[in-house]
Amino acid sequence: MKVLVVDDQELNRKLLQHMLKYEGYDVVLADNGREAIETCKQEHPDLVLLDVIMPEMDGYETAPLLKELSTDVYL
């Protein structure tokens, strides 16, 4: 299972990446909403862990756009 972790805080991204990889998940990272959309198009994750409060494009703006890309992804 592939998980996309989206957070503007590098420490949060790295911590989640480490924990998820330890559990056997394939992890990809994005540091903002725009990058999350591009990463989702390329990587087709099964699950997106999306921070709500981010600069540029927050999680509330990003979530509906990610859902438009795929109805199979869980946010």
Protein backbone atom coordinates (compact mmCIF):
# COMPACT_ATOMS: atom_id res chain seq x y z
CA MET A 1 0.00 0.00 0.00
CA LYS A 2 1.32 3.44 -0.96
CA VAL A 3 0.79 6.41 1.38
CA LEU A 4 1.22 10.07 0.45
CA VAL A 5 2.15 12.21 3.47
CA VAL A 6 1.46 15.93 2.95
CA ASP A 7 2.73 18.36 5.58
CA ASP A 8 4.61 21.65 5.45
CA GLN A 9 6.68 20.66 8.50
CA GLU A 10 9.66 18.53 7.50
CA LEU A 11 9.91 16.92 10.93
CA ASN A 12 6.29 15.72 10.71
CA ARG A 13 6.84 14.31 7.21
CA LYS A 14 10.00 12.47 8.20
CA LEU A 15 8.48 11.10 11.41
CA LEU A 16 5.42 9.72 9.59
CA GLN A 17 7.62 8.38 6.81
CA HIS A 18 9.78 6.50 9.29
CA MET A 19 6.81 5.07 11.21
CA LEU A 20 4.95 4.00 8.06
CA LYS A 21 8.00 2.46 6.39
CA TYR A 22 8.69 0.49 9.56
CA GLU A 23 5.17 -0.96 9.23
CA GLY A 24 5.86 -1.93 5.61
CA TYR A 25 4.16 0.87 3.69
CA ASP A 26 5.56 2.54 0.59
CA VAL A 27 5.70 6.27 1.44
CA VAL A 28 5.89 9.35 -0.77
CA LEU A 29 6.11 12.90 0.55
CA ALA A 30 4.82 16.35 -0.40
CA ASP A 31 5.31 19.61 1.47
CA ASN A 32 2.27 21.54 0.21
CA GLY A 33 -1.06 21.10 -1.54
CA ARG A 34 0.18 21.86 -5.02
CA GLU A 35 2.99 19.34 -4.71
CA ALA A 36 0.51 16.81 -3.32
CA ILE A 37 -1.65 17.10 -6.43
CA GLU A 38 1.32 16.57 -8.76
CA THR A 39 2.63 13.69 -6.64
CA CYS A 40 -0.81 12.06 -6.60
CA LYS A 41 -0.98 12.22 -10.40
CA GLN A 42 2.39 10.48 -10.71
CA GLU A 43 2.38 8.06 -7.77
CA HIS A 44 -1.32 7.07 -7.44
CA PRO A 45 -1.31 6.54 -3.64
CA ASP A 46 -3.87 4.40 -1.85
CA LEU A 47 -4.02 6.74 1.14
CA VAL A 48 -3.29 10.44 1.66
CA LEU A 49 -2.43 11.82 5.09
CA LEU A 50 -3.11 15.51 4.59
CA ASP A 51 -2.22 18.36 6.95
CA VAL A 52 -4.97 20.96 7.17
CA ILE A 53 -2.96 24.08 7.99
CA MET A 54 -0.35 24.72 5.29
CA PRO A 55 0.77 27.83 3.44
CA GLU A 56 0.05 28.32 -0.26
CA MET A 57 -2.76 25.74 -0.50
CA ASP A 58 -4.20 24.31 2.72
CA GLY A 59 -5.68 20.87 3.24
CA TYR A 60 -9.25 22.11 2.87
CA GLU A 61 -8.47 23.39 -0.64
CA THR A 62 -6.36 20.37 -1.56
CA ALA A 63 -8.69 17.54 -0.48
CA PRO A 64 -11.47 18.12 -3.06
CA LEU A 65 -8.89 18.44 -5.85
CA LEU A 66 -7.29 15.15 -4.83
CA LYS A 67 -10.71 13.47 -4.77
CA GLU A 68 -11.31 14.67 -8.34
CA LEU A 69 -8.13 12.88 -9.43
CA SER A 70 -9.22 9.52 -8.08
CA THR A 71 -12.24 8.15 -6.30
CA ASP A 72 -10.06 5.26 -5.08
CA VAL A 73 -7.85 7.34 -2.80
CA TYR A 74 -8.69 7.68 0.89
CA LEU A 75 -8.12 11.05 2.56
